[in-house]
């Protein structure tokens, strides 16, 4: 239980760092007329992923076991979190300019 609490705290801190960056990217990359739609789509996608993740997690624990499922999810989480370091859409991110269109 202690390990899970520590990991949950770490994930919470990581999400607190990454979520504002995602918000800035939404503002920079979406045209002003499309910003509300982009934000709505992001929120809807995140909320839709919650029950899908619970279902897939249950299937993974049932087939692979608890420890293997945690290890696989942890590795995937770290790889996805480090993906921005390879460039991609974040490569061209510069300072926020509210007047830029």
Protein backbone atom coordinates (compact mmCIF):
# COMPACT_ATOMS: atom_id res chain seq x y z
CA UNK A 1 0.00 0.00 0.00
CA UNK A 2 2.85 2.38 0.77
CA UNK A 3 4.37 1.83 -2.67
CA UNK A 4 1.03 2.53 -4.36
CA UNK A 5 0.52 5.74 -2.36
CA UNK A 6 4.02 6.96 -3.23
CA UNK A 7 3.51 6.13 -6.91
CA UNK A 8 0.10 7.83 -6.93
CA UNK A 9 1.70 10.96 -5.46
CA UNK A 10 4.44 10.87 -8.10
CA UNK A 11 1.91 10.46 -10.91
CA UNK A 12 -0.10 13.36 -9.49
CA UNK A 13 2.95 15.60 -9.49
CA UNK A 14 3.83 14.53 -13.04
CA UNK A 15 0.30 15.29 -14.22
CA UNK A 16 0.51 18.68 -12.53
CA UNK A 17 3.55 19.46 -14.65
CA UNK A 18 2.36 18.08 -17.98
CA UNK A 19 -1.24 19.39 -18.00
CA UNK A 20 -0.33 23.10 -18.20
CA UNK A 21 2.08 22.34 -21.05
CA UNK A 22 -0.71 20.57 -22.93
CA UNK A 23 -2.95 23.60 -22.35
CA UNK A 24 -0.31 25.93 -23.78
CA UNK A 25 0.09 23.70 -26.82
CA UNK A 26 -3.66 23.75 -27.38
CA UNK A 27 -3.60 27.54 -27.35
CA UNK A 28 -0.58 27.79 -29.63
CA UNK A 29 -1.46 25.16 -32.20
CA UNK A 30 -5.22 25.63 -32.54
CA UNK A 31 -6.54 28.57 -34.55
CA UNK A 32 -8.54 30.99 -32.34
CA UNK A 33 -11.84 30.04 -33.97
CA UNK A 34 -11.20 26.35 -33.25
CA UNK A 35 -9.88 26.57 -29.66
CA UNK A 36 -13.18 25.71 -27.97
CA UNK A 37 -13.63 22.68 -30.21
CA UNK A 38 -10.07 21.49 -29.64
CA UNK A 39 -10.45 21.84 -25.86
CA UNK A 40 -13.83 20.06 -25.90
CA UNK A 41 -12.43 17.21 -27.97
CA UNK A 42 -9.47 16.79 -25.61
CA UNK A 43 -11.71 16.73 -22.53
CA UNK A 44 -14.18 14.32 -24.15
CA UNK A 45 -11.37 12.01 -25.21
CA UNK A 46 -9.89 11.97 -21.72
CA UNK A 47 -13.22 11.24 -20.07
CA UNK A 48 -14.02 8.54 -22.63
CA UNK A 49 -10.69 6.89 -21.85
CA UNK A 50 -11.53 6.38 -18.16
CA UNK A 51 -13.98 3.47 -18.56
CA UNK A 52 -11.96 2.02 -21.44
CA UNK A 53 -8.83 2.07 -19.27
CA UNK A 54 -10.68 0.40 -16.39
CA UNK A 55 -11.93 -2.32 -18.72
CA UNK A 56 -8.51 -2.94 -20.27
CA UNK A 57 -6.89 -2.88 -16.82
CA UNK A 58 -9.29 -5.52 -15.55
CA UNK A 59 -8.64 -7.71 -18.57
CA UNK A 60 -4.87 -7.29 -18.17
CA UNK A 61 -4.93 -8.22 -14.48
CA UNK A 62 -7.12 -11.23 -15.19
CA UNK A 63 -4.89 -12.54 -17.99
CA UNK A 64 -1.38 -11.39 -16.97
CA UNK A 65 -1.61 -10.94 -13.21
CA UNK A 66 -1.35 -7.83 -11.05
CA UNK A 67 2.43 -7.44 -10.99
CA UNK A 68 2.91 -7.92 -14.73
CA UNK A 69 0.08 -5.50 -15.47
CA UNK A 70 1.63 -2.82 -13.25
CA UNK A 71 5.03 -3.30 -14.85
CA UNK A 72 3.64 -3.07 -18.39
CA UNK A 73 1.54 0.00 -17.63
CA UNK A 74 4.50 1.64 -15.86
CA UNK A 75 6.82 1.08 -18.79
CA UNK A 76 4.26 2.36 -21.30
CA UNK A 77 3.57 5.40 -19.08
CA UNK A 78 7.25 6.29 -18.89
CA UNK A 79 7.74 5.87 -22.65
CA UNK A 80 4.72 8.03 -23.46
CA UNK A 81 5.86 10.65 -20.94
CA UNK A 82 9.31 10.80 -22.52
CA UNK A 83 7.99 10.94 -26.11
CA UNK A 84 8.11 14.77 -26.27
CA UNK A 85 11.89 14.58 -25.88
CA UNK A 86 12.09 13.05 -29.38
CA UNK A 87 10.66 16.17 -31.02
CA UNK A 88 7.36 15.82 -32.83
CA UNK A 89 4.72 18.50 -32.31
CA UNK A 90 6.55 19.89 -29.28
CA UNK A 91 9.70 20.56 -31.30
CA UNK A 92 8.41 23.83 -32.70
CA UNK A 93 6.98 25.06 -29.42
CA UNK A 94 8.18 28.54 -28.62
CA UNK A 95 7.25 31.23 -26.13
CA UNK A 96 3.54 31.95 -25.85
CA UNK A 97 2.43 35.02 -27.77
CA UNK A 98 -1.25 35.91 -27.24
CA UNK A 99 -1.30 38.09 -30.38
CA UNK A 100 -0.04 35.28 -32.66
CA UNK A 101 -2.67 33.75 -34.89
